[in-house]
């Protein structure tokens, strides 16, 4: 997944008060990629108050004003995020998982 799209998905997931690891991890998106982009978002002040342990994000923080602005400016990703989320919800129905 494109870095910018993954960053958007992480921020959107946090905006919905959900854990990005639980919501986004899949065959296409590795937990390590989510961590790497989450760490980037933290370092660049898009999110704040992450808690780290064992070289991973143990507890996700919250959006900053900068993170909220990123979501607004990149609203073109909103449709793709919504479609991907819907497909993910339907996938178990088709695969039997």
PDB file of N, CA and C in Angstrom:
ATOM      1  N   UNK A   1       0.841  -1.182   0.000  1.00  0.00           N
ATOM      2  CA  UNK A   1       0.000   0.000   0.000  1.00  0.00           C
ATOM      3  C   UNK A   1       0.884   1.242   0.000  1.00  0.00           C
ATOM      4  N   UNK A   2       0.479   2.224  -0.739  1.00  0.00           N
ATOM      5  CA  UNK A   2       1.161   3.504  -0.812  1.00  0.00           C
ATOM      6  C   UNK A   2       1.284   4.122   0.590  1.00  0.00           C
ATOM      7  N   UNK A   3       2.445   4.697   0.894  1.00  0.00           N
ATOM      8  CA  UNK A   3       2.694   5.272   2.220  1.00  0.00           C
ATOM      9  C   UNK A   3       1.657   6.326   2.603  1.00  0.00           C
ATOM     10  N   UNK A   4       1.352   7.204   1.662  1.00  0.00           N
ATOM     11  CA  UNK A   4       0.422   8.292   1.960  1.00  0.00           C
ATOM     12  C   UNK A   4      -0.980   7.742   2.243  1.00  0.00           C
ATOM     13  N   UNK A   5      -1.381   6.732   1.501  1.00  0.00           N
ATOM     14  CA  UNK A   5      -2.689   6.116   1.723  1.00  0.00           C
ATOM     15  C   UNK A   5      -2.723   5.411   3.074  1.00  0.00           C
ATOM     16  N   UNK A   6      -1.627   4.743   3.426  1.00  0.00           N
ATOM     17  CA  UNK A   6      -1.563   4.065   4.718  1.00  0.00           C
ATOM     18  C   UNK A   6      -1.595   5.083   5.860  1.00  0.00           C
ATOM     19  N   UNK A   7      -0.889   6.172   5.697  1.00  0.00           N
ATOM     20  CA  UNK A   7      -0.918   7.224   6.714  1.00  0.00           C
ATOM     21  C   UNK A   7      -2.332   7.763   6.882  1.00  0.00           C
ATOM     22  N   UNK A   8      -3.007   7.994   5.768  1.00  0.00           N
ATOM     23  CA  UNK A   8      -4.393   8.456   5.836  1.00  0.00           C
ATOM     24  C   UNK A   8      -5.252   7.433   6.569  1.00  0.00           C
ATOM     25  N   UNK A   9      -5.107   6.159   6.224  1.00  0.00           N
ATOM     26  CA  UNK A   9      -5.910   5.105   6.856  1.00  0.00           C
ATOM     27  C   UNK A   9      -5.656   5.044   8.362  1.00  0.00           C
ATOM     28  N   UNK A  10      -4.401   5.205   8.777  1.00  0.00           N
ATOM     29  CA  UNK A  10      -4.063   5.199  10.204  1.00  0.00           C
ATOM     30  C   UNK A  10      -4.746   6.368  10.901  1.00  0.00           C
ATOM     31  N   UNK A  11      -4.624   7.560  10.322  1.00  0.00           N
ATOM     32  CA  UNK A  11      -5.228   8.738  10.933  1.00  0.00           C
ATOM     33  C   UNK A  11      -6.748   8.614  10.981  1.00  0.00           C
ATOM     34  N   UNK A  12      -7.339   8.118   9.911  1.00  0.00           N
ATOM     35  CA  UNK A  12      -8.792   7.959   9.860  1.00  0.00           C
ATOM     36  C   UNK A  12      -9.250   6.940  10.907  1.00  0.00           C
ATOM     37  N   UNK A  13      -8.497   5.873  11.053  1.00  0.00           N
ATOM     38  CA  UNK A  13      -8.822   4.848  12.050  1.00  0.00           C
ATOM     39  C   UNK A  13      -8.751   5.433  13.461  1.00  0.00           C
ATOM     40  N   UNK A  14      -7.723   6.234  13.723  1.00  0.00           N
ATOM     41  CA  UNK A  14      -7.606   6.885  15.030  1.00  0.00           C
ATOM     42  C   UNK A  14      -8.745   7.884  15.252  1.00  0.00           C
ATOM     43  N   UNK A  15      -9.136   8.576  14.197  1.00  0.00           N
ATOM     44  CA  UNK A  15     -10.252   9.521  14.304  1.00  0.00           C
ATOM     45  C   UNK A  15     -11.534   8.779  14.714  1.00  0.00           C
ATOM     46  N   UNK A  16     -11.655   7.530  14.278  1.00  0.00           N
ATOM     47  CA  UNK A  16     -12.818   6.698  14.615  1.00  0.00           C
ATOM     48  C   UNK A  16     -12.640   5.976  15.952  1.00  0.00           C
ATOM     49  N   UNK A  17     -11.565   6.333  16.688  1.00  0.00           N
ATOM     50  CA  UNK A  17     -11.257   5.731  17.993  1.00  0.00           C
ATOM     51  C   UNK A  17     -11.072   4.220  17.914  1.00  0.00           C
ATOM     52  N   UNK A  18     -10.371   3.764  16.885  1.00  0.00           N
ATOM     53  CA  UNK A  18     -10.088   2.342  16.712  1.00  0.00           C
ATOM     54  C   UNK A  18      -8.579   2.122  16.656  1.00  0.00           C
ATOM     55  N   UNK A  19      -8.157   0.896  16.900  1.00  0.00           N
ATOM     56  CA  UNK A  19      -6.738   0.528  16.874  1.00  0.00           C
ATOM     57  C   UNK A  19      -6.315   0.211  15.435  1.00  0.00           C
ATOM     58  N   UNK A  20      -5.377   0.988  14.858  1.00  0.00           N
ATOM     59  CA  UNK A  20      -4.941   0.739  13.481  1.00  0.00           C
ATOM     60  C   UNK A  20      -4.397  -0.665  13.241  1.00  0.00           C
ATOM     61  N   UNK A  21      -3.702  -1.259  14.227  1.00  0.00           N
ATOM     62  CA  UNK A  21      -3.192  -2.620  14.030  1.00  0.00           C
ATOM     63  C   UNK A  21      -4.336  -3.602  13.811  1.00  0.00           C
ATOM     64  N   UNK A  22      -5.383  -3.480  14.592  1.00  0.00           N
ATOM     65  CA  UNK A  22      -6.516  -4.406  14.494  1.00  0.00           C
ATOM     66  C   UNK A  22      -7.301  -4.173  13.211  1.00  0.00           C
ATOM     67  N   UNK A  23      -7.538  -2.921  12.873  1.00  0.00           N
ATOM     68  CA  UNK A  23      -8.370  -2.591  11.719  1.00  0.00           C
ATOM     69  C   UNK A  23      -7.645  -2.811  10.392  1.00  0.00           C
ATOM     70  N   UNK A  24      -6.368  -2.456  10.323  1.00  0.00           N
ATOM     71  CA  UNK A  24      -5.670  -2.417   9.037  1.00  0.00           C
ATOM     72  C   UNK A  24      -4.818  -3.630   8.704  1.00  0.00           C
ATOM     73  N   UNK A  25      -4.338  -4.363   9.704  1.00  0.00           N
ATOM     74  CA  UNK A  25      -3.430  -5.477   9.419  1.00  0.00           C
ATOM     75  C   UNK A  25      -4.134  -6.528   8.570  1.00  0.00           C
ATOM     76  N   UNK A  26      -3.471  -6.954   7.509  1.00  0.00           N
ATOM     77  CA  UNK A  26      -4.031  -7.951   6.597  1.00  0.00           C
ATOM     78  C   UNK A  26      -2.892  -8.584   5.812  1.00  0.00           C
ATOM     79  N   UNK A  27      -3.248  -9.414   4.838  1.00  0.00           N
ATOM     80  CA  UNK A  27      -2.225 -10.013   3.977  1.00  0.00           C
ATOM     81  C   UNK A  27      -1.500  -8.946   3.168  1.00  0.00           C
ATOM     82  N   UNK A  28      -2.212  -7.855   2.837  1.00  0.00           N
ATOM     83  CA  UNK A  28      -1.633  -6.795   2.015  1.00  0.00           C
ATOM     84  C   UNK A  28      -0.879  -5.744   2.840  1.00  0.00           C
ATOM     85  N   UNK A  29      -1.247  -5.605   4.115  1.00  0.00           N
ATOM     86  CA  UNK A  29      -0.639  -4.578   4.961  1.00  0.00           C
ATOM     87  C   UNK A  29      -0.044  -5.244   6.198  1.00  0.00           C
ATOM     88  N   UNK A  30       1.268  -5.256   6.260  1.00  0.00           N
ATOM     89  CA  UNK A  30       1.962  -5.881   7.383  1.00  0.00           C
ATOM     90  C   UNK A  30       1.930  -4.979   8.611  1.00  0.00           C
ATOM     91  N   UNK A  31       1.928  -5.607   9.770  1.00  0.00           N
ATOM     92  CA  UNK A  31       1.941  -4.877  11.035  1.00  0.00           C
ATOM     93  C   UNK A  31       3.163  -3.951  11.099  1.00  0.00           C
ATOM     94  N   UNK A  32       4.292  -4.407  10.541  1.00  0.00           N
ATOM     95  CA  UNK A  32       5.517  -3.611  10.550  1.00  0.00           C
ATOM     96  C   UNK A  32       5.341  -2.321   9.753  1.00  0.00           C
ATOM     97  N   UNK A  33       4.599  -2.388   8.631  1.00  0.00           N
ATOM     98  CA  UNK A  33       4.353  -1.189   7.829  1.00  0.00           C
ATOM     99  C   UNK A  33       3.460  -0.204   8.584  1.00  0.00           C
ATOM    100  N   UNK A  34       2.475  -0.725   9.289  1.00  0.00           N
ATOM    101  CA  UNK A  34       1.594   0.122  10.088  1.00  0.00           C
ATOM    102  C   UNK A  34       2.410   0.807  11.181  1.00  0.00           C
ATOM    103  N   UNK A  35       3.272   0.038  11.851  1.00  0.00           N
ATOM    104  CA  UNK A  35       4.130   0.600  12.895  1.00  0.00           C
ATOM    105  C   UNK A  35       5.042   1.675  12.320  1.00  0.00           C
ATOM    106  N   UNK A  36       5.672   1.386  11.198  1.00  0.00           N
ATOM    107  CA  UNK A  36       6.617   2.328  10.593  1.00  0.00           C
ATOM    108  C   UNK A  36       5.922   3.651  10.256  1.00  0.00           C
ATOM    109  N   UNK A  37       4.749   3.579   9.665  1.00  0.00           N
ATOM    110  CA  UNK A  37       4.034   4.799   9.310  1.00  0.00           C
ATOM    111  C   UNK A  37       3.449   5.478  10.552  1.00  0.00           C
ATOM    112  N   UNK A  38       3.046   4.695  11.536  1.00  0.00           N
ATOM    113  CA  UNK A  38       2.570   5.261  12.797  1.00  0.00           C
ATOM    114  C   UNK A  38       3.667   6.031  13.504  1.00  0.00           C
ATOM    115  N   UNK A  39       4.862   5.476  13.484  1.00  0.00           N
ATOM    116  CA  UNK A  39       6.011   6.144  14.088  1.00  0.00           C
ATOM    117  C   UNK A  39       6.331   7.439  13.334  1.00  0.00           C
ATOM    118  N   UNK A  40       6.244   7.387  12.006  1.00  0.00           N
ATOM    119  CA  UNK A  40       6.455   8.583  11.190  1.00  0.00           C
ATOM    120  C   UNK A  40       5.435   9.662  11.561  1.00  0.00           C
ATOM    121  N   UNK A  41       4.161   9.268  11.655  1.00  0.00           N
ATOM    122  CA  UNK A  41       3.106  10.223  11.987  1.00  0.00           C
ATOM    123  C   UNK A  41       3.326  10.842  13.368  1.00  0.00           C
ATOM    124  N   UNK A  42       3.841  10.051  14.286  1.00  0.00           N
ATOM    125  CA  UNK A  42       4.150  10.546  15.627  1.00  0.00           C
ATOM    126  C   UNK A  42       5.324  11.529  15.572  1.00  0.00           C
ATOM    127  N   UNK A  43       6.394  11.146  14.873  1.00  0.00           N
ATOM    128  CA  UNK A  43       7.576  12.007  14.787  1.00  0.00           C
ATOM    129  C   UNK A  43       7.280  13.324  14.085  1.00  0.00           C
ATOM    130  N   UNK A  44       6.353  13.288  13.128  1.00  0.00           N
ATOM    131  CA  UNK A  44       6.005  14.498  12.376  1.00  0.00           C
ATOM    132  C   UNK A  44       4.840  15.261  13.001  1.00  0.00           C
ATOM    133  N   UNK A  45       4.412  14.846  14.194  1.00  0.00           N
ATOM    134  CA  UNK A  45       3.377  15.526  14.987  1.00  0.00           C
ATOM    135  C   UNK A  45       1.979  15.482  14.387  1.00  0.00           C
ATOM    136  N   UNK A  46       1.662  14.411  13.658  1.00  0.00           N
ATOM    137  CA  UNK A  46       0.294  14.206  13.179  1.00  0.00           C
ATOM    138  C   UNK A  46      -0.542  13.504  14.255  1.00  0.00           C
ATOM    139  N   UNK A  47       0.146  12.749  15.108  1.00  0.00           N
ATOM    140  CA  UNK A  47      -0.489  12.111  16.256  1.00  0.00           C
ATOM    141  C   UNK A  47       0.404  12.352  17.467  1.00  0.00           C
ATOM    142  N   UNK A  48      -0.167  12.187  18.634  1.00  0.00           N
ATOM    143  CA  UNK A  48       0.589  12.422  19.864  1.00  0.00           C
ATOM    144  C   UNK A  48       0.200  11.392  20.911  1.00  0.00           C
ATOM    145  N   UNK A  49       1.074  11.209  21.866  1.00  0.00           N
ATOM    146  CA  UNK A  49       0.835  10.343  23.018  1.00  0.00           C
ATOM    147  C   UNK A  49       0.826   8.846  22.705  1.00  0.00           C
ATOM    148  N   UNK A  50       1.560   8.422  21.662  1.00  0.00           N
ATOM    149  CA  UNK A  50       1.733   6.976  21.462  1.00  0.00           C
ATOM    150  C   UNK A  50       2.582   6.433  22.607  1.00  0.00           C
ATOM    151  N   UNK A  51       2.322   5.199  23.008  1.00  0.00           N
ATOM    152  CA  UNK A  51       3.140   4.524  24.011  1.00  0.00           C
ATOM    153  C   UNK A  51       3.861   3.385  23.318  1.00  0.00           C
ATOM    154  N   UNK A  52       5.171   3.368  23.433  1.00  0.00           N
ATOM    155  CA  UNK A  52       5.995   2.364  22.766  1.00  0.00           C
ATOM    156  C   UNK A  52       6.530   1.343  23.767  1.00  0.00           C
ATOM    157  N   UNK A  53       6.571   0.083  23.344  1.00  0.00           N
ATOM    158  CA  UNK A  53       7.178  -0.994  24.131  1.00  0.00           C
ATOM    159  C   UNK A  53       7.627  -2.079  23.163  1.00  0.00           C
ATOM    160  N   UNK A  54       8.749  -2.689  23.446  1.00  0.00           N
ATOM    161  CA  UNK A  54       9.278  -3.759  22.588  1.00  0.00           C
ATOM    162  C   UNK A  54       9.322  -3.346  21.123  1.00  0.00           C
ATOM    163  N   UNK A  55       9.749  -2.120  20.881  1.00  0.00           N
ATOM    164  CA  UNK A  55       9.932  -1.592  19.533  1.00  0.00           C
ATOM    165  C   UNK A  55       8.653  -1.614  18.695  1.00  0.00           C
ATOM    166  N   UNK A  56       7.524  -1.417  19.326  1.00  0.00           N
ATOM    167  CA  UNK A  56       6.259  -1.306  18.610  1.00  0.00           C
ATOM    168  C   UNK A  56       5.347  -0.342  19.361  1.00  0.00           C
ATOM    169  N   UNK A  57       4.270   0.056  18.733  1.00  0.00           N
ATOM    170  CA  UNK A  57       3.310   0.935  19.393  1.00  0.00           C
ATOM    171  C   UNK A  57       2.403   0.057  20.238  1.00  0.00           C
ATOM    172  N   UNK A  58       2.495   0.239  21.533  1.00  0.00           N
ATOM    173  CA  UNK A  58       1.695  -0.549  22.473  1.00  0.00           C
ATOM    174  C   UNK A  58       0.317   0.071  22.644  1.00  0.00           C
ATOM    175  N   UNK A  59       0.265   1.389  22.674  1.00  0.00           N
ATOM    176  CA  UNK A  59      -1.002   2.101  22.824  1.00  0.00           C
ATOM    177  C   UNK A  59      -0.972   3.303  21.886  1.00  0.00           C
ATOM    178  N   UNK A  60      -1.971   3.395  21.010  1.00  0.00           N
ATOM    179  CA  UNK A  60      -2.037   4.501  20.068  1.00  0.00           C
ATOM    180  C   UNK A  60      -2.524   5.762  20.763  1.00  0.00           C
ATOM    181  N   UNK A  61      -1.971   6.879  20.341  1.00  0.00           N
ATOM    182  CA  UNK A  61      -2.338   8.172  20.905  1.00  0.00           C
ATOM    183  C   UNK A  61      -3.564   8.754  20.222  1.00  0.00           C
ATOM    184  N   UNK A  62      -3.491  10.041  19.953  1.00  0.00           N
ATOM    185  CA  UNK A  62      -4.634  10.735  19.369  1.00  0.00           C
ATOM    186  C   UNK A  62      -4.161  11.695  18.295  1.00  0.00           C
ATOM    187  N   UNK A  63      -5.099  12.121  17.473  1.00  0.00           N
ATOM    188  CA  UNK A  63      -4.790  13.067  16.408  1.00  0.00           C
ATOM    189  C   UNK A  63      -4.438  14.434  16.980  1.00  0.00           C
ATOM    190  N   UNK A  64      -3.518  15.088  16.318  1.00  0.00           N
ATOM    191  CA  UNK A  64      -3.226  16.481  16.628  1.00  0.00           C
ATOM    192  C   UNK A  64      -3.993  17.331  15.610  1.00  0.00           C
ATOM    193  N   UNK A  65      -3.917  18.623  15.777  1.00  0.00           N
ATOM    194  CA  UNK A  65      -4.550  19.509  14.793  1.00  0.00           C
ATOM    195  C   UNK A  65      -3.931  19.289  13.414  1.00  0.00           C
ATOM    196  N   UNK A  66      -2.641  19.047  13.385  1.00  0.00           N
ATOM    197  CA  UNK A  66      -1.950  18.789  12.122  1.00  0.00           C
ATOM    198  C   UNK A  66      -2.492  17.512  11.477  1.00  0.00           C
ATOM    199  N   UNK A  67      -2.769  16.483  12.269  1.00  0.00           N
ATOM    200  CA  UNK A  67      -3.344  15.246  11.756  1.00  0.00           C
ATOM    201  C   UNK A  67      -4.733  15.453  11.203  1.00  0.00           C
ATOM    202  N   UNK A  68      -5.531  16.257  11.890  1.00  0.00           N
ATOM    203  CA  UNK A  68      -6.875  16.569  11.411  1.00  0.00           C
ATOM    204  C   UNK A  68      -6.814  17.321  10.089  1.00  0.00           C
ATOM    205  N   UNK A  69      -5.871  18.241   9.967  1.00  0.00           N
ATOM    206  CA  UNK A  69      -5.697  18.994   8.719  1.00  0.00           C
ATOM    207  C   UNK A  69      -5.281  18.068   7.576  1.00  0.00           C
ATOM    208  N   UNK A  70      -4.416  17.086   7.877  1.00  0.00           N
ATOM    209  CA  UNK A  70      -4.008  16.114   6.869  1.00  0.00           C
ATOM    210  C   UNK A  70      -5.226  15.365   6.329  1.00  0.00           C
ATOM    211  N   UNK A  71      -6.124  14.951   7.231  1.00  0.00           N
ATOM    212  CA  UNK A  71      -7.330  14.250   6.802  1.00  0.00           C
ATOM    213  C   UNK A  71      -8.193  15.138   5.908  1.00  0.00           C
ATOM    214  N   UNK A  72      -8.331  16.394   6.270  1.00  0.00           N
ATOM    215  CA  UNK A  72      -9.126  17.324   5.472  1.00  0.00           C
ATOM    216  C   UNK A  72      -8.515  17.569   4.101  1.00  0.00           C
ATOM    217  N   UNK A  73      -7.207  17.789   4.060  1.00  0.00           N
ATOM    218  CA  UNK A  73      -6.519  18.091   2.801  1.00  0.00           C
ATOM    219  C   UNK A  73      -6.468  16.883   1.871  1.00  0.00           C
ATOM    220  N   UNK A  74      -6.492  15.698   2.426  1.00  0.00           N
ATOM    221  CA  UNK A  74      -6.385  14.482   1.620  1.00  0.00           C
ATOM    222  C   UNK A  74      -7.711  13.737   1.560  1.00  0.00           C
ATOM    223  N   UNK A  75      -8.783  14.492   1.474  1.00  0.00           N
ATOM    224  CA  UNK A  75     -10.114  13.886   1.459  1.00  0.00           C
ATOM    225  C   UNK A  75     -10.333  13.006   0.228  1.00  0.00           C
ATOM    226  N   UNK A  76      -9.485  13.140  -0.791  1.00  0.00           N
ATOM    227  CA  UNK A  76      -9.616  12.262  -1.958  1.00  0.00           C
ATOM    228  C   UNK A  76      -9.376  10.806  -1.577  1.00  0.00           C
ATOM    229  N   UNK A  77      -8.619  10.587  -0.501  1.00  0.00           N
ATOM    230  CA  UNK A  77      -8.393   9.228  -0.030  1.00  0.00           C
ATOM    231  C   UNK A  77      -9.624   8.678   0.701  1.00  0.00           C
ATOM    232  N   UNK A  78     -10.515   9.558   1.107  1.00  0.00           N
ATOM    233  CA  UNK A  78     -11.685   9.142   1.890  1.00  0.00           C
ATOM    234  C   UNK A  78     -12.510   8.110   1.140  1.00  0.00           C
ATOM    235  N   UNK A  79     -12.735   8.335  -0.131  1.00  0.00           N
ATOM    236  CA  UNK A  79     -13.539   7.389  -0.921  1.00  0.00           C
ATOM    237  C   UNK A  79     -12.819   6.049  -1.023  1.00  0.00           C
ATOM    238  N   UNK A  80     -11.526   6.063  -1.294  1.00  0.00           N
ATOM    239  CA  UNK A  80     -10.761   4.823  -1.391  1.00  0.00           C
ATOM    240  C   UNK A  80     -10.758   4.089  -0.063  1.00  0.00           C
ATOM    241  N   UNK A  81     -10.620   4.836   1.037  1.00  0.00           N
ATOM    242  CA  UNK A  81     -10.629   4.239   2.373  1.00  0.00           C
ATOM    243  C   UNK A  81     -11.984   3.587   2.645  1.00  0.00           C
ATOM    244  N   UNK A  82     -13.040   4.271   2.284  1.00  0.00           N
ATOM    245  CA  UNK A  82     -14.391   3.758   2.505  1.00  0.00           C
ATOM    246  C   UNK A  82     -14.624   2.480   1.702  1.00  0.00           C
ATOM    247  N   UNK A  83     -14.201   2.467   0.449  1.00  0.00           N
ATOM    248  CA  UNK A  83     -14.357   1.287  -0.405  1.00  0.00           C
ATOM    249  C   UNK A  83     -13.534   0.131   0.132  1.00  0.00           C
ATOM    250  N   UNK A  84     -12.292   0.399   0.523  1.00  0.00           N
ATOM    251  CA  UNK A  84     -11.429  -0.663   1.061  1.00  0.00           C
ATOM    252  C   UNK A  84     -12.022  -1.252   2.331  1.00  0.00           C
ATOM    253  N   UNK A  85     -12.576  -0.402   3.168  1.00  0.00           N
ATOM    254  CA  UNK A  85     -13.188  -0.848   4.413  1.00  0.00           C
ATOM    255  C   UNK A  85     -14.398  -1.739   4.117  1.00  0.00           C
ATOM    256  N   UNK A  86     -15.201  -1.341   3.133  1.00  0.00           N
ATOM    257  CA  UNK A  86     -16.378  -2.121   2.763  1.00  0.00           C
ATOM    258  C   UNK A  86     -15.973  -3.481   2.198  1.00  0.00           C
ATOM    259  N   UNK A  87     -14.962  -3.509   1.357  1.00  0.00           N
ATOM    260  CA  UNK A  87     -14.476  -4.774   0.785  1.00  0.00           C
ATOM    261  C   UNK A  87     -13.989  -5.684   1.893  1.00  0.00           C
ATOM    262  N   UNK A  88     -13.261  -5.119   2.847  1.00  0.00           N
ATOM    263  CA  UNK A  88     -12.736  -5.905   3.963  1.00  0.00           C
ATOM    264  C   UNK A  88     -13.876  -6.546   4.769  1.00  0.00           C
ATOM    265  N   UNK A  89     -14.975  -5.820   4.936  1.00  0.00           N
ATOM    266  CA  UNK A  89     -16.115  -6.351   5.671  1.00  0.00           C
ATOM    267  C   UNK A  89     -16.818  -7.475   4.903  1.00  0.00           C
ATOM    268  N   UNK A  90     -16.790  -7.415   3.593  1.00  0.00           N
ATOM    269  CA  UNK A  90     -17.443  -8.431   2.762  1.00  0.00           C
ATOM    270  C   UNK A  90     -16.561  -9.664   2.523  1.00  0.00           C
ATOM    271  N   UNK A  91     -15.241  -9.501   2.626  1.00  0.00           N
ATOM    272  CA  UNK A  91     -14.305 -10.578   2.313  1.00  0.00           C
ATOM    273  C   UNK A  91     -14.590 -11.874   3.063  1.00  0.00           C
ATOM    274  N   UNK A  92     -14.840 -11.849   4.362  1.00  0.00           N
ATOM    275  CA  UNK A  92     -15.120 -13.117   5.057  1.00  0.00           C
ATOM    276  C   UNK A  92     -16.357 -13.831   4.505  1.00  0.00           C
ATOM    277  N   UNK A  93     -17.312 -13.065   4.024  1.00  0.00           N
ATOM    278  CA  UNK A  93     -18.525 -13.646   3.451  1.00  0.00           C
ATOM    279  C   UNK A  93     -18.191 -14.483   2.217  1.00  0.00           C
ATOM    280  N   UNK A  94     -17.289 -13.970   1.369  1.00  0.00           N
ATOM    281  CA  UNK A  94     -16.939 -14.677   0.141  1.00  0.00           C
ATOM    282  C   UNK A  94     -15.905 -15.781   0.341  1.00  0.00           C
ATOM    283  N   UNK A  95     -15.005 -15.575   1.303  1.00  0.00           N
ATOM    284  CA  UNK A  95     -13.936 -16.549   1.499  1.00  0.00           C
ATOM    285  C   UNK A  95     -14.275 -17.593   2.542  1.00  0.00           C
ATOM    286  N   UNK A  96     -15.316 -17.357   3.309  1.00  0.00           N
ATOM    287  CA  UNK A  96     -15.698 -18.289   4.346  1.00  0.00           C
ATOM    288  C   UNK A  96     -14.843 -18.209   5.597  1.00  0.00           C
ATOM    289  N   UNK A  97     -14.044 -17.142   5.720  1.00  0.00           N
ATOM    290  CA  UNK A  97     -13.155 -16.993   6.889  1.00  0.00           C
ATOM    291  C   UNK A  97     -13.805 -16.136   7.942  1.00  0.00           C
TER     292      UNK A  97
END
